Amino acid sequence: MNLTEATKQKAIELGFDVVGITSAEPIDSVQTEELRNWLGTGRAAGMSFMHRNFASRINPAGLLAGAKSVICVGLNYKPGPRENLSGRARASCGRIANYALWEDYHPFIKKRLRTLARFISDSAEADKCSFKICVDSAPLAERALAQRAGLGFIGTNRMLINPHLGLQIFLGEIITDIKLDYDTPMTTRCAECNKCIRACPTGALDCAGNFDANKCISYLTIEHKGQIPDEPARKIGDRLFGCDECILVCPYNLNAPPCENTQLRFFTGYKEIQPDSVLTWDKARFDGFFADSSIKRLGLERFKRNAKLCLDNIETG
């Protein structure tokens, strides 16, 4: 078994559902121009961090000098029967996006990628090797790299779609200066059924493949820092944090298997949050309740903002 095969086997042993390897070359020119245009037309909304480190975002070598390979991993987070597929427990509860019903995936994945990096280092014949671990927060076009590594393809909803696992996949990467064998990019393309476009409550997606974060409920309830404009606020409905509509309607999601990783903790209590009760929370309650959740990054005040909108929308029908 060579190092590439051993690396992939170890990744699966660590609990990842899919792994692929690509070069550390920049993403292709078409994807680069799409990203540049998306940023230039203001469709990244208030995500100023997306404008920073553009050169590194499109080129993994910008994050690690001498980089040769990028190991891309994916972890299925689709809730299953043991988690109850409903996004909320009762009609009076606010909805939380599926990914946030699990423990914070950033440290979960980073810990396992560090273990994988140590394994590669111990197994490699090189005297010294370098690694850069990335989980979402690093300036890296991870979906484009995951596509090139054979993990899936980019759908009309701009999500990475794996034909077997669907769309609910946490991603992580290891950039390394070790040369490994590269996988073949996935050539499957979106069926263009446009179900995701029709399902989006606010029209954040269009038939031309454009995504406008200014209209996206996930952006508005998670990243947006100010008050949410009236028009999209009414369409947020009972969503406390995030939105899954463009994911849930995708045909690839319907038959995808549920998460089988028993080490990844699922918080059933997050589906039982009453928006009116959130308005009475203090910082200690918020920090304690979401101590191991990615929701904690939102902060109490914005969570209360979302709860007030949910409450207004529930009361007005």
Protein backbone atom coordinates (compact mmCIF):
# COMPACT_ATOMS: atom_id res chain seq x y z
CA MET A 1 0.00 0.00 0.00
CA ASN A 2 1.51 3.33 -1.04
CA LEU A 3 1.24 6.57 0.94
CA THR A 4 -1.77 7.83 -1.00
CA GLU A 5 -3.74 4.65 -0.38
CA ALA A 6 -2.69 4.56 3.27
CA THR A 7 -3.72 8.20 3.71
CA LYS A 8 -7.18 7.54 2.32
CA GLN A 9 -7.63 4.43 4.42
CA LYS A 10 -6.61 6.33 7.56
CA ALA A 11 -9.05 9.14 6.75
CA ILE A 12 -11.91 6.65 6.56
CA GLU A 13 -10.76 5.04 9.83
CA LEU A 14 -10.92 8.49 11.44
CA GLY A 15 -14.60 8.72 10.55
CA PHE A 16 -14.66 10.68 7.32
CA ASP A 17 -17.12 9.42 4.73
CA VAL A 18 -15.24 10.49 1.63
CA VAL A 19 -11.68 11.55 0.82
CA GLY A 20 -9.97 12.71 -2.34
CA ILE A 21 -6.67 14.32 -3.29
CA THR A 22 -5.93 17.06 -5.78
CA SER A 23 -2.97 19.21 -6.70
CA ALA A 24 -2.17 22.47 -4.93
CA GLU A 25 -2.46 24.34 -8.22
CA PRO A 26 -4.85 27.31 -8.35
CA ILE A 27 -8.50 26.62 -9.11
CA ASP A 28 -9.37 26.91 -12.79
CA SER A 29 -9.81 30.26 -14.51
CA VAL A 30 -13.58 29.88 -14.97
CA GLN A 31 -14.16 29.36 -11.24
CA THR A 32 -11.74 32.18 -10.45
CA GLU A 33 -13.66 34.62 -12.65
CA GLU A 34 -16.99 33.45 -11.22
CA LEU A 35 -15.71 34.22 -7.72
CA ARG A 36 -14.25 37.55 -8.81
CA ASN A 37 -17.54 38.52 -10.47
CA TRP A 38 -19.59 37.40 -7.46
CA LEU A 39 -17.52 39.60 -5.19
CA GLY A 40 -17.38 42.50 -7.62
CA THR A 41 -21.15 42.68 -8.08
CA GLY A 42 -21.81 42.87 -4.35
CA ARG A 43 -23.50 39.49 -4.08
CA ALA A 44 -21.26 38.55 -1.16
CA ALA A 45 -23.30 41.09 0.83
CA GLY A 46 -21.59 42.08 4.09
CA MET A 47 -19.08 39.23 4.10
CA SER A 48 -16.03 41.49 3.82
CA PHE A 49 -13.77 38.58 4.77
CA MET A 50 -14.51 37.04 1.37
CA HIS A 51 -12.72 39.96 -0.29
CA ARG A 52 -9.57 39.50 1.75
CA ASN A 53 -6.72 37.19 0.71
CA PHE A 54 -8.19 36.61 -2.75
CA ALA A 55 -4.89 35.26 -4.10
CA SER A 56 -4.72 32.64 -1.33
CA ARG A 57 -8.39 31.80 -1.70
CA ILE A 58 -7.89 30.62 -5.27
CA ASN A 59 -4.39 29.19 -4.76
CA PRO A 60 -3.64 26.72 -1.92
CA ALA A 61 0.09 27.42 -2.27
CA GLY A 62 -0.66 30.88 -0.93
CA LEU A 63 -1.39 29.26 2.43
CA LEU A 64 1.61 26.91 2.45
CA ALA A 65 4.86 27.55 0.61
CA GLY A 66 5.89 24.65 -1.58
CA ALA A 67 2.46 23.02 -1.43
CA LYS A 68 2.00 20.09 -3.80
CA SER A 69 -1.17 18.31 -2.67
CA VAL A 70 -4.52 19.06 -1.06
CA ILE A 71 -6.28 16.27 0.80
CA CYS A 72 -10.02 16.94 0.86
CA VAL A 73 -12.31 15.11 3.28
CA GLY A 74 -16.06 15.09 3.77
CA LEU A 75 -18.24 14.10 6.72
CA ASN A 76 -21.93 13.38 6.17
CA TYR A 77 -24.15 15.27 8.63
CA LYS A 78 -27.61 14.40 7.33
CA PRO A 79 -29.83 13.70 10.37
CA GLY A 80 -31.37 10.24 10.47
CA PRO A 81 -34.11 8.40 12.36
CA ARG A 82 -32.23 8.60 15.66
CA GLU A 83 -32.18 12.39 15.39
CA ASN A 84 -35.77 12.76 14.10
CA LEU A 85 -35.69 14.30 10.64
CA SER A 86 -37.93 17.23 11.55
CA GLY A 87 -36.05 20.50 11.96
CA ARG A 88 -38.11 21.38 15.02
CA ALA A 89 -39.98 19.57 17.78
CA ARG A 90 -43.26 21.56 17.72
CA ALA A 91 -44.95 24.19 15.58
CA SER A 92 -44.16 26.85 18.19
CA CYS A 93 -40.43 26.13 18.04
CA GLY A 94 -37.94 27.89 15.81
CA ARG A 95 -36.07 25.98 13.14
CA ILE A 96 -32.31 25.48 13.19
CA ALA A 97 -30.34 24.50 10.07
CA ASN A 98 -29.37 20.83 10.16
CA TYR A 99 -25.62 21.46 10.29
CA ALA A 100 -26.02 23.47 13.50
CA LEU A 101 -27.97 20.71 15.25
CA TRP A 102 -24.65 18.89 15.64
CA GLU A 103 -21.68 19.87 17.75
CA ASP A 104 -19.38 22.50 16.27
CA TYR A 105 -17.75 20.71 13.34
CA HIS A 106 -14.68 22.96 13.22
CA PRO A 107 -12.81 21.46 16.22
CA PHE A 108 -14.27 18.00 15.50
CA ILE A 109 -12.78 17.91 12.01
CA LYS A 110 -9.56 19.76 12.89
CA LYS A 111 -8.73 17.23 15.60
CA ARG A 112 -9.04 14.35 13.14
CA LEU A 113 -7.14 16.17 10.41
CA ARG A 114 -4.27 16.75 12.84
CA THR A 115 -4.23 13.02 13.53
CA LEU A 116 -4.22 12.35 9.79
CA ALA A 117 -1.37 14.82 9.25
CA ARG A 118 0.71 13.11 11.96
CA PHE A 119 0.04 9.75 10.31
CA ILE A 120 1.22 11.08 6.94
CA SER A 121 4.30 12.65 8.51
CA ASP A 122 5.22 9.40 10.26
CA SER A 123 4.60 7.38 7.10
CA ALA A 124 6.34 9.65 4.61
CA GLU A 125 9.91 9.02 3.60
CA ALA A 126 10.72 12.74 3.55
CA ASP A 127 12.93 14.08 6.33
CA LYS A 128 10.51 16.91 6.96
CA CYS A 129 7.05 17.71 5.67
CA SER A 130 4.71 20.62 6.21
CA PHE A 131 0.95 20.80 6.58
CA LYS A 132 -1.77 23.44 6.70
CA ILE A 133 -5.11 22.32 8.11
CA CYS A 134 -8.20 24.16 6.91
CA VAL A 135 -11.79 23.84 8.09
CA ASP A 136 -14.08 26.45 6.59
CA SER A 137 -12.49 29.49 8.26
CA ALA A 138 -9.30 29.57 6.13
CA PRO A 139 -9.38 31.66 2.91
CA LEU A 140 -9.70 28.70 0.55
CA ALA A 141 -12.10 27.83 -2.29
CA GLU A 142 -12.82 24.50 -0.64
CA ARG A 143 -15.79 23.46 -2.75
CA ALA A 144 -13.85 24.00 -5.97
CA LEU A 145 -10.97 21.95 -4.59
CA ALA A 146 -13.32 19.23 -3.33
CA GLN A 147 -14.81 19.01 -6.82
CA ARG A 148 -11.35 18.71 -8.35
CA ALA A 149 -10.49 16.00 -5.81
CA GLY A 150 -13.48 13.95 -6.93
CA LEU A 151 -15.67 14.46 -3.86
CA GLY A 152 -18.60 15.82 -5.83
CA PHE A 153 -19.78 18.51 -8.21
CA ILE A 154 -21.12 22.03 -7.72
CA GLY A 155 -24.90 22.21 -8.02
CA THR A 156 -27.22 24.99 -9.11
CA ASN A 157 -27.58 25.90 -5.43
CA ARG A 158 -23.77 26.36 -5.32
CA MET A 159 -23.42 23.48 -2.87
CA LEU A 160 -21.05 20.54 -3.29
CA ILE A 161 -23.13 17.51 -4.24
CA ASN A 162 -21.89 13.96 -3.80
CA PRO A 163 -24.08 11.55 -5.82
CA HIS A 164 -24.15 9.07 -2.92
CA LEU A 165 -23.95 11.26 0.19
CA GLY A 166 -25.99 14.17 -1.08
CA LEU A 167 -25.36 17.75 0.01
CA GLN A 168 -25.15 17.73 3.79
CA ILE A 169 -21.40 17.34 4.05
CA PHE A 170 -18.86 19.04 6.31
CA LEU A 171 -15.61 19.72 4.45
CA GLY A 172 -12.01 19.91 5.60
CA GLU A 173 -8.61 20.07 3.92
CA ILE A 174 -4.95 19.38 4.53
CA ILE A 175 -2.53 21.28 2.31
CA THR A 176 0.87 19.60 2.24
CA ASP A 177 4.22 19.82 0.47
CA ILE A 178 4.17 16.04 -0.02
CA LYS A 179 3.38 14.86 -3.54
CA LEU A 180 0.52 12.36 -3.47
CA ASP A 181 -1.46 10.73 -6.27
CA TYR A 182 -4.32 12.92 -7.49
CA ASP A 183 -7.90 11.86 -8.02
CA THR A 184 -9.94 12.54 -11.13
CA PRO A 185 -12.40 15.45 -10.88
CA MET A 186 -16.04 14.40 -10.88
CA THR A 187 -17.64 15.02 -14.27
CA THR A 188 -21.26 14.56 -13.12
CA ARG A 189 -23.27 17.73 -13.49
CA CYS A 190 -26.38 19.09 -11.85
CA ALA A 191 -29.57 17.82 -13.50
CA GLU A 192 -30.82 21.42 -13.52
CA CYS A 193 -34.25 20.46 -12.24
CA ASN A 194 -34.27 23.94 -10.66
CA LYS A 195 -36.05 22.66 -7.57
CA CYS A 196 -33.61 24.55 -5.39
CA ILE A 197 -34.36 27.79 -7.23
CA ARG A 198 -38.11 27.38 -6.78
CA ALA A 199 -37.74 26.36 -3.14
CA CYS A 200 -35.70 29.38 -2.05
CA PRO A 201 -38.10 31.58 -0.03
CA THR A 202 -36.34 34.82 -0.94
CA GLY A 203 -35.16 34.26 -4.52
CA ALA A 204 -31.46 34.13 -3.65
CA LEU A 205 -30.85 31.71 -6.56
CA ASP A 206 -31.60 32.21 -10.24
CA CYS A 207 -31.58 30.07 -13.39
CA ALA A 208 -28.31 31.61 -14.54
CA GLY A 209 -26.55 29.99 -11.61
CA ASN A 210 -26.21 33.19 -9.63
CA PHE A 211 -26.38 33.27 -5.85
CA ASP A 212 -27.13 36.52 -4.03
CA ALA A 213 -26.20 36.38 -0.36
CA ASN A 214 -28.11 39.62 0.23
CA LYS A 215 -31.31 37.60 -0.12
CA CYS A 216 -30.15 34.34 1.49
CA ILE A 217 -31.82 33.46 4.80
CA SER A 218 -28.71 31.62 5.98
CA TYR A 219 -26.64 34.76 5.41
CA LEU A 220 -29.24 37.06 6.95
CA THR A 221 -29.71 34.99 10.12
CA ILE A 222 -26.06 34.00 10.60
CA GLU A 223 -23.63 36.48 9.03
CA HIS A 224 -25.62 39.72 8.75
CA LYS A 225 -24.82 41.98 11.68
CA GLY A 226 -27.54 44.63 11.53
CA GLN A 227 -31.29 44.63 11.47
CA ILE A 228 -32.78 42.46 8.75
CA PRO A 229 -34.78 44.38 6.09
CA ASP A 230 -38.56 43.97 6.26
CA GLU A 231 -39.07 42.10 2.98
CA PRO A 232 -36.72 39.16 3.63
CA ALA A 233 -37.56 39.28 7.36
CA ARG A 234 -41.14 38.26 6.62
CA LYS A 235 -39.92 35.36 4.48
CA ILE A 236 -37.61 34.06 7.20
CA GLY A 237 -40.67 32.53 8.80
CA ASP A 238 -39.81 30.45 11.85
CA ARG A 239 -36.12 30.02 11.04
CA LEU A 240 -34.00 30.86 14.07
CA PHE A 241 -30.66 30.02 12.50
CA GLY A 242 -29.95 29.24 8.88
CA CYS A 243 -32.05 27.67 6.15
CA ASP A 244 -31.96 24.28 4.40
CA GLU A 245 -34.64 24.69 1.72
CA CYS A 246 -32.33 24.50 -1.32
CA ILE A 247 -30.70 21.41 0.19
CA LEU A 248 -33.76 19.49 1.30
CA VAL A 249 -35.52 19.62 -2.08
CA CYS A 250 -32.50 18.41 -4.05
CA PRO A 251 -33.09 14.92 -5.52
CA TYR A 252 -29.60 13.92 -4.40
CA ASN A 253 -30.55 14.68 -0.80
CA LEU A 254 -33.72 12.61 -0.74
CA ASN A 255 -32.06 9.20 -0.94
CA ALA A 256 -28.79 10.12 0.77
CA PRO A 257 -27.88 8.00 3.80
CA PRO A 258 -27.94 9.54 7.29
CA CYS A 259 -24.84 10.32 9.29
CA GLU A 260 -23.38 7.16 10.80
CA ASN A 261 -20.59 8.77 12.82
CA THR A 262 -21.50 8.02 16.43
CA GLN A 263 -18.75 10.30 17.76
CA LEU A 264 -20.38 13.41 16.31
CA ARG A 265 -22.83 14.64 18.93
CA PHE A 266 -26.37 15.65 17.98
CA PHE A 267 -28.24 18.11 20.20
CA THR A 268 -31.95 17.26 20.17
CA GLY A 269 -32.64 20.18 22.50
CA TYR A 270 -31.80 22.62 19.72
CA LYS A 271 -35.06 21.63 18.02
CA GLU A 272 -37.08 22.56 21.10
CA ILE A 273 -36.18 26.25 21.34
CA GLN A 274 -39.17 28.55 21.77
CA PRO A 275 -38.53 32.00 20.26
CA ASP A 276 -40.45 33.76 23.04
CA SER A 277 -38.27 32.14 25.70
CA VAL A 278 -35.09 33.23 23.88
CA LEU A 279 -36.10 36.85 24.48
CA THR A 280 -35.65 36.24 28.22
CA TRP A 281 -32.19 34.66 27.93
CA ASP A 282 -29.09 36.31 29.33
CA LYS A 283 -25.54 35.85 28.07
CA ALA A 284 -24.77 33.09 30.58
CA ARG A 285 -27.78 31.09 29.41
CA PHE A 286 -26.86 31.55 25.75
CA ASP A 287 -23.18 30.70 26.25
CA GLY A 288 -24.01 27.65 28.33
CA PHE A 289 -26.69 26.30 26.01
CA PHE A 290 -24.51 26.64 22.90
CA ALA A 291 -21.13 25.98 24.51
CA ASP A 292 -20.26 23.21 22.03
CA SER A 293 -22.16 24.61 19.06
CA SER A 294 -21.26 26.72 16.05
CA ILE A 295 -24.29 28.85 16.97
CA LYS A 296 -22.31 30.44 19.79
CA ARG A 297 -20.45 32.55 17.23
CA LEU A 298 -23.69 34.36 16.43
CA GLY A 299 -23.88 35.96 19.86
CA LEU A 300 -26.90 36.54 22.09
CA GLU A 301 -28.09 39.82 20.59
CA ARG A 302 -28.33 38.53 17.03
CA PHE A 303 -29.94 35.31 18.25
CA LYS A 304 -32.56 37.43 20.02
CA ARG A 305 -32.99 39.45 16.82
CA ASN A 306 -33.77 36.24 14.96
CA ALA A 307 -36.09 35.03 17.73
CA LYS A 308 -38.08 38.27 17.62
CA LEU A 309 -38.52 37.92 13.85
CA CYS A 310 -39.59 34.28 14.24
CA LEU A 311 -42.09 35.22 16.92
CA ASP A 312 -43.56 38.00 14.80
CA ASN A 313 -43.83 35.70 11.78
CA ILE A 314 -45.38 32.85 13.77
CA GLU A 315 -47.95 35.18 15.33
CA THR A 316 -48.92 36.76 12.01
CA GLY A 317 -49.01 33.41 10.21
